């Protein structure tokens, strides 16, 4: 007995849609901060990179950019909820970490470390 070909065709279409082609490196991108995550599209192109950093969260956050060797490349001031700041960088190829390094004490005396709560993301900078 022959099976219908429709499920196989549907599976092939889903796999093609999910695989996509690799993204082209960009020189500007949006970065979104929220409790407790950072969203950034990549890869980024080497050279001048402009980050538009938006705080979609309820609390103030910062964005710290560290290089492949762990050194601090740049940081924003406090980004208030609902606001956007621009951060321009000059980046060579490598893997960079974006993070929020705020540590606060809650009402019960507990410590809330934004980085430890998940506010970190990696982004690759590649030659174009």
N, C-alpha and C. Protein backbone atom coordinates (compact mmCIF):
# COMPACT_ATOMS: atom_id res chain seq x y z
N UNK A 1 0.83 -1.17 0.00
CA UNK A 1 0.00 0.00 0.00
C UNK A 1 0.89 1.24 0.00
N UNK A 2 0.59 2.20 -0.85
CA UNK A 2 1.39 3.42 -0.96
C UNK A 2 0.94 4.43 0.09
N UNK A 3 1.91 5.08 0.70
CA UNK A 3 1.60 6.13 1.65
C UNK A 3 1.46 7.45 0.90
N UNK A 4 0.65 8.35 1.39
CA UNK A 4 0.53 9.66 0.74
C UNK A 4 1.85 10.41 0.86
N UNK A 5 2.20 11.14 -0.16
CA UNK A 5 3.45 11.89 -0.20
C UNK A 5 3.35 13.22 0.52
N UNK A 6 2.17 13.67 0.87
CA UNK A 6 1.98 14.98 1.46
C UNK A 6 2.81 15.19 2.73
N UNK A 7 2.83 14.27 3.71
CA UNK A 7 3.65 14.53 4.90
C UNK A 7 5.13 14.73 4.57
N UNK A 8 5.66 13.99 3.63
CA UNK A 8 7.07 14.15 3.26
C UNK A 8 7.31 15.51 2.63
N UNK A 9 6.39 15.96 1.80
CA UNK A 9 6.52 17.28 1.17
C UNK A 9 6.45 18.37 2.22
N UNK A 10 5.53 18.23 3.16
CA UNK A 10 5.40 19.23 4.22
C UNK A 10 6.66 19.28 5.07
N UNK A 11 7.22 18.13 5.40
CA UNK A 11 8.45 18.08 6.18
C UNK A 11 9.59 18.77 5.44
N UNK A 12 9.71 18.53 4.15
CA UNK A 12 10.76 19.16 3.35
C UNK A 12 10.61 20.67 3.35
N UNK A 13 9.39 21.17 3.23
CA UNK A 13 9.15 22.62 3.23
C UNK A 13 9.50 23.23 4.58
N UNK A 14 9.15 22.55 5.66
CA UNK A 14 9.47 23.05 6.99
C UNK A 14 10.98 23.09 7.19
N UNK A 15 11.69 22.06 6.78
CA UNK A 15 13.14 22.03 6.93
C UNK A 15 13.81 23.13 6.12
N UNK A 16 13.34 23.37 4.91
CA UNK A 16 13.91 24.44 4.08
C UNK A 16 13.66 25.80 4.72
N UNK A 17 12.47 26.02 5.27
CA UNK A 17 12.15 27.30 5.89
C UNK A 17 12.99 27.53 7.14
N UNK A 18 13.25 26.47 7.89
CA UNK A 18 14.02 26.61 9.13
C UNK A 18 15.51 26.76 8.89
N UNK A 19 16.01 26.16 7.84
CA UNK A 19 17.46 26.19 7.63
C UNK A 19 17.92 27.57 7.22
N UNK A 20 17.24 28.22 6.29
CA UNK A 20 17.61 29.55 5.85
C UNK A 20 19.06 29.67 5.46
N UNK A 21 19.44 30.80 4.97
CA UNK A 21 20.83 31.04 4.64
C UNK A 21 21.45 31.86 5.76
N UNK A 22 22.77 31.78 5.93
CA UNK A 22 23.41 32.55 6.98
C UNK A 22 23.17 34.04 6.77
N UNK A 23 23.00 34.76 7.87
CA UNK A 23 22.79 36.19 7.77
C UNK A 23 24.06 36.89 7.35
N UNK A 24 23.88 37.96 6.58
CA UNK A 24 25.01 38.80 6.20
C UNK A 24 25.39 39.66 7.41
N UNK A 25 26.67 39.89 7.63
CA UNK A 25 27.09 40.76 8.73
C UNK A 25 26.56 42.18 8.52
N UNK A 26 26.16 42.82 9.60
CA UNK A 26 25.62 44.17 9.54
C UNK A 26 26.49 45.12 10.33
N UNK A 27 26.44 46.40 9.97
CA UNK A 27 27.21 47.43 10.67
C UNK A 27 26.39 48.17 11.71
N UNK A 28 25.09 47.86 11.78
CA UNK A 28 24.21 48.48 12.77
C UNK A 28 23.13 47.47 13.14
N UNK A 29 22.78 47.45 14.41
CA UNK A 29 21.72 46.52 14.85
C UNK A 29 21.08 47.04 16.12
N UNK A 30 19.92 46.48 16.40
CA UNK A 30 19.20 46.81 17.64
C UNK A 30 19.58 45.80 18.71
N UNK A 31 19.70 46.30 19.93
CA UNK A 31 19.93 45.46 21.11
C UNK A 31 18.80 45.76 22.07
N UNK A 32 18.14 44.71 22.56
CA UNK A 32 17.03 44.88 23.49
C UNK A 32 17.39 44.31 24.85
N UNK A 33 17.16 45.11 25.89
CA UNK A 33 17.40 44.72 27.27
C UNK A 33 16.05 44.51 27.95
N UNK A 34 15.93 43.48 28.75
CA UNK A 34 14.70 43.20 29.49
C UNK A 34 15.06 42.31 30.66
N UNK A 35 14.12 42.09 31.58
CA UNK A 35 14.36 41.21 32.72
C UNK A 35 14.19 39.77 32.28
N UNK A 36 15.10 38.94 32.32
CA UNK A 36 16.53 39.12 32.48
C UNK A 36 17.20 38.51 31.26
N UNK A 37 17.17 39.21 30.16
CA UNK A 37 17.81 38.73 28.94
C UNK A 37 18.22 39.90 28.06
N UNK A 38 19.10 39.60 27.11
CA UNK A 38 19.54 40.56 26.10
C UNK A 38 19.33 39.91 24.74
N UNK A 39 18.75 40.66 23.82
CA UNK A 39 18.53 40.17 22.47
C UNK A 39 19.33 41.02 21.51
N UNK A 40 20.11 40.36 20.64
CA UNK A 40 20.89 41.06 19.63
C UNK A 40 20.94 40.19 18.38
N UNK A 41 20.84 40.83 17.21
CA UNK A 41 20.98 40.10 15.96
C UNK A 41 22.43 40.18 15.51
N UNK A 42 22.90 39.14 14.90
CA UNK A 42 24.27 39.10 14.41
C UNK A 42 24.33 38.21 13.21
N UNK A 43 25.43 38.05 12.60
CA UNK A 43 26.72 38.60 13.01
C UNK A 43 26.85 40.07 12.66
N UNK A 44 27.86 40.69 13.26
CA UNK A 44 28.17 42.09 12.98
C UNK A 44 29.39 42.15 12.07
N UNK A 45 29.47 43.20 11.27
CA UNK A 45 30.61 43.40 10.38
C UNK A 45 31.74 44.09 11.13
N UNK A 46 32.97 43.78 10.76
CA UNK A 46 34.11 44.45 11.37
C UNK A 46 34.09 45.93 11.05
N UNK A 47 34.79 46.70 11.88
CA UNK A 47 34.83 48.15 11.67
C UNK A 47 33.82 48.84 12.55
N UNK A 48 33.31 49.95 12.06
CA UNK A 48 32.36 50.74 12.82
C UNK A 48 31.03 50.00 12.94
N UNK A 49 30.59 49.80 14.17
CA UNK A 49 29.33 49.13 14.46
C UNK A 49 28.50 50.07 15.33
N UNK A 50 27.26 50.29 14.94
CA UNK A 50 26.35 51.13 15.70
C UNK A 50 25.27 50.26 16.34
N UNK A 51 25.22 50.31 17.68
CA UNK A 51 24.21 49.57 18.42
C UNK A 51 23.15 50.54 18.93
N UNK A 52 21.91 50.24 18.66
CA UNK A 52 20.79 51.01 19.19
C UNK A 52 20.23 50.18 20.34
N UNK A 53 20.48 50.63 21.57
CA UNK A 53 20.20 49.85 22.78
C UNK A 53 18.89 50.34 23.41
N UNK A 54 17.88 49.47 23.41
CA UNK A 54 16.56 49.82 23.95
C UNK A 54 16.27 48.99 25.18
N UNK A 55 15.83 49.67 26.24
CA UNK A 55 15.43 48.98 27.46
C UNK A 55 13.92 48.76 27.41
N UNK A 56 13.52 47.53 27.14
CA UNK A 56 12.10 47.16 27.13
C UNK A 56 11.65 46.66 28.50
N UNK A 57 12.53 46.72 29.48
CA UNK A 57 12.23 46.18 30.79
C UNK A 57 11.57 47.18 31.72
N UNK A 58 11.36 46.72 32.94
CA UNK A 58 10.73 47.51 33.99
C UNK A 58 11.77 48.26 34.83
N UNK A 59 13.01 47.77 34.81
CA UNK A 59 14.07 48.35 35.63
C UNK A 59 15.19 48.89 34.74
N UNK A 60 16.01 49.78 35.30
CA UNK A 60 17.17 50.31 34.57
C UNK A 60 18.19 49.20 34.34
N UNK A 61 18.86 49.26 33.20
CA UNK A 61 19.90 48.30 32.85
C UNK A 61 21.07 49.05 32.24
N UNK A 62 22.18 48.35 32.07
CA UNK A 62 23.33 48.87 31.33
C UNK A 62 23.68 47.84 30.27
N UNK A 63 24.49 48.26 29.32
CA UNK A 63 25.04 47.31 28.35
C UNK A 63 26.55 47.43 28.41
N UNK A 64 27.20 46.32 28.74
CA UNK A 64 28.65 46.23 28.80
C UNK A 64 29.10 45.34 27.66
N UNK A 65 30.06 45.79 26.88
CA UNK A 65 30.59 45.01 25.76
C UNK A 65 32.00 44.59 26.13
N UNK A 66 32.24 43.27 26.15
CA UNK A 66 33.58 42.76 26.44
C UNK A 66 34.10 42.02 25.21
N UNK A 67 35.41 42.11 25.03
CA UNK A 67 36.05 41.51 23.86
C UNK A 67 36.36 40.05 24.05
N UNK A 68 36.93 39.44 23.00
CA UNK A 68 37.28 38.02 23.05
C UNK A 68 38.22 37.65 24.21
N UNK A 69 39.04 38.62 24.65
CA UNK A 69 39.97 38.36 25.75
C UNK A 69 39.37 38.71 27.12
N UNK A 70 38.09 39.14 27.14
CA UNK A 70 37.44 39.49 28.39
C UNK A 70 37.57 40.94 28.79
N UNK A 71 38.34 41.73 28.01
CA UNK A 71 38.52 43.13 28.36
C UNK A 71 37.26 43.93 28.01
N UNK A 72 37.03 44.99 28.78
CA UNK A 72 35.87 45.85 28.54
C UNK A 72 36.17 46.75 27.35
N UNK A 73 35.28 46.70 26.35
CA UNK A 73 35.40 47.51 25.14
C UNK A 73 34.63 48.81 25.30
N UNK A 74 33.40 48.73 25.81
CA UNK A 74 32.54 49.90 25.97
C UNK A 74 31.41 49.56 26.92
N UNK A 75 30.76 50.63 27.42
CA UNK A 75 29.60 50.45 28.28
C UNK A 75 28.70 51.67 28.15
N UNK A 76 27.41 51.44 28.33
CA UNK A 76 26.47 52.55 28.35
C UNK A 76 26.34 53.06 29.77
N UNK A 77 25.76 54.23 29.91
CA UNK A 77 25.29 54.70 31.21
C UNK A 77 24.05 53.87 31.53
N UNK A 78 23.39 54.14 32.63
CA UNK A 78 22.12 53.47 32.93
C UNK A 78 21.14 53.79 31.81
N UNK A 79 20.46 52.75 31.33
CA UNK A 79 19.43 52.92 30.31
C UNK A 79 18.09 52.77 31.02
N UNK A 80 17.37 53.86 31.12
CA UNK A 80 16.09 53.86 31.83
C UNK A 80 15.05 53.05 31.07
N UNK A 81 14.06 52.51 31.77
CA UNK A 81 13.00 51.76 31.10
C UNK A 81 12.33 52.62 30.01
N UNK A 82 12.11 52.00 28.87
CA UNK A 82 11.42 52.68 27.77
C UNK A 82 12.27 53.64 26.97
N UNK A 83 13.58 53.67 27.23
CA UNK A 83 14.44 54.59 26.48
C UNK A 83 15.44 53.83 25.62
N UNK A 84 16.03 54.56 24.67
CA UNK A 84 17.02 54.00 23.75
C UNK A 84 18.25 54.88 23.77
N UNK A 85 19.42 54.26 23.79
CA UNK A 85 20.69 54.98 23.66
C UNK A 85 21.47 54.35 22.53
N UNK A 86 22.33 55.15 21.90
CA UNK A 86 23.17 54.65 20.82
C UNK A 86 24.58 54.45 21.33
N UNK A 87 25.20 53.38 20.85
CA UNK A 87 26.57 53.05 21.23
C UNK A 87 27.34 52.71 19.97
N UNK A 88 28.34 53.53 19.65
CA UNK A 88 29.18 53.28 18.47
C UNK A 88 30.48 52.61 18.88
N UNK A 89 30.87 51.59 18.13
CA UNK A 89 32.07 50.82 18.44
C UNK A 89 32.90 50.61 17.19
N UNK A 90 34.18 50.37 17.36
CA UNK A 90 35.06 49.97 16.26
C UNK A 90 35.60 48.59 16.65
N UNK A 91 35.11 47.55 15.96
CA UNK A 91 35.39 46.18 16.40
C UNK A 91 36.14 45.36 15.36
N UNK A 92 37.24 44.73 15.77
CA UNK A 92 37.89 43.73 14.92
C UNK A 92 37.13 42.41 15.01
N UNK A 93 37.45 41.45 14.14
CA UNK A 93 36.76 40.15 14.19
C UNK A 93 36.93 39.48 15.55
N UNK A 94 35.93 38.72 15.95
CA UNK A 94 35.99 37.97 17.21
C UNK A 94 34.61 37.76 17.78
N UNK A 95 34.58 37.08 18.90
CA UNK A 95 33.33 36.80 19.61
C UNK A 95 33.26 37.74 20.80
N UNK A 96 32.18 38.51 20.90
CA UNK A 96 32.01 39.51 21.94
C UNK A 96 30.85 39.13 22.84
N UNK A 97 30.93 39.57 24.10
CA UNK A 97 29.84 39.33 25.04
C UNK A 97 29.19 40.66 25.37
N UNK A 98 27.86 40.65 25.35
CA UNK A 98 27.06 41.79 25.79
C UNK A 98 26.43 41.38 27.11
N UNK A 99 26.48 42.26 28.11
CA UNK A 99 25.92 41.89 29.41
C UNK A 99 25.47 43.13 30.17
N UNK A 100 24.63 42.88 31.16
CA UNK A 100 24.24 43.90 32.14
C UNK A 100 24.89 43.49 33.45
N UNK A 101 25.65 44.39 34.04
CA UNK A 101 26.40 44.04 35.25
C UNK A 101 25.84 44.71 36.50
N UNK A 102 24.56 45.05 36.48
CA UNK A 102 23.95 45.64 37.67
C UNK A 102 23.71 44.58 38.73
N UNK A 103 24.03 44.94 39.97
CA UNK A 103 23.75 44.09 41.13
C UNK A 103 22.99 44.98 42.12
N UNK A 104 21.80 44.52 42.54
CA UNK A 104 20.99 45.29 43.47
C UNK A 104 20.52 44.38 44.60
N UNK A 105 20.07 45.04 45.67
CA UNK A 105 19.53 44.31 46.80
C UNK A 105 18.00 44.45 46.77
N UNK A 106 17.28 43.34 46.91
CA UNK A 106 15.82 43.41 46.91
C UNK A 106 15.31 43.80 48.30
N UNK A 107 14.01 43.94 48.44
CA UNK A 107 13.39 44.38 49.71
C UNK A 107 13.67 43.43 50.87
N UNK A 108 13.89 42.16 50.54
CA UNK A 108 14.13 41.16 51.60
C UNK A 108 15.62 40.99 51.92
N UNK A 109 16.46 41.82 51.33
CA UNK A 109 17.89 41.74 51.58
C UNK A 109 18.64 40.80 50.66
N UNK A 110 17.92 40.16 49.73
CA UNK A 110 18.57 39.28 48.77
C UNK A 110 19.28 40.06 47.67
N UNK A 111 20.23 39.43 47.05
CA UNK A 111 21.00 40.06 45.98
C UNK A 111 20.46 39.60 44.63
N UNK A 112 20.26 40.57 43.73
CA UNK A 112 19.84 40.27 42.36
C UNK A 112 20.97 40.73 41.44
N UNK A 113 21.63 39.78 40.83
CA UNK A 113 22.73 40.04 39.91
C UNK A 113 22.19 39.83 38.48
N UNK A 114 22.04 40.92 37.74
CA UNK A 114 21.43 40.83 36.40
C UNK A 114 22.18 39.86 35.49
N UNK A 115 23.51 39.86 35.56
CA UNK A 115 24.31 38.94 34.75
C UNK A 115 23.98 37.49 35.11
N UNK A 116 23.99 37.19 36.40
CA UNK A 116 23.71 35.83 36.86
C UNK A 116 22.28 35.40 36.55
N UNK A 117 21.37 36.37 36.45
CA UNK A 117 19.97 36.08 36.13
C UNK A 117 19.75 35.84 34.63
N UNK A 118 20.81 36.00 33.83
CA UNK A 118 20.70 35.68 32.40
C UNK A 118 20.88 36.84 31.45
N UNK A 119 21.23 38.01 31.96
CA UNK A 119 21.40 39.16 31.07
C UNK A 119 22.78 39.15 30.43
N UNK A 120 22.92 38.25 29.46
CA UNK A 120 24.16 38.16 28.70
C UNK A 120 23.84 37.51 27.36
N UNK A 121 24.60 37.93 26.37
CA UNK A 121 24.43 37.36 25.01
C UNK A 121 25.76 37.49 24.30
N UNK A 122 25.99 36.58 23.38
CA UNK A 122 27.20 36.63 22.56
C UNK A 122 26.86 37.11 21.16
N UNK A 123 27.83 37.74 20.54
CA UNK A 123 27.66 38.15 19.15
C UNK A 123 29.00 38.02 18.45
N UNK A 124 28.98 37.54 17.23
CA UNK A 124 30.18 37.35 16.43
C UNK A 124 30.39 38.57 15.53
N UNK A 125 31.64 39.03 15.45
CA UNK A 125 32.02 40.09 14.53
C UNK A 125 32.93 39.43 13.48
N UNK A 126 32.55 39.56 12.20
CA UNK A 126 33.27 38.87 11.14
C UNK A 126 33.69 39.85 10.05
N UNK A 127 34.75 39.47 9.33
CA UNK A 127 35.19 40.24 8.16
C UNK A 127 34.13 40.15 7.09
N UNK A 128 33.95 41.24 6.38
CA UNK A 128 32.97 41.21 5.28
C UNK A 128 33.66 41.05 3.95
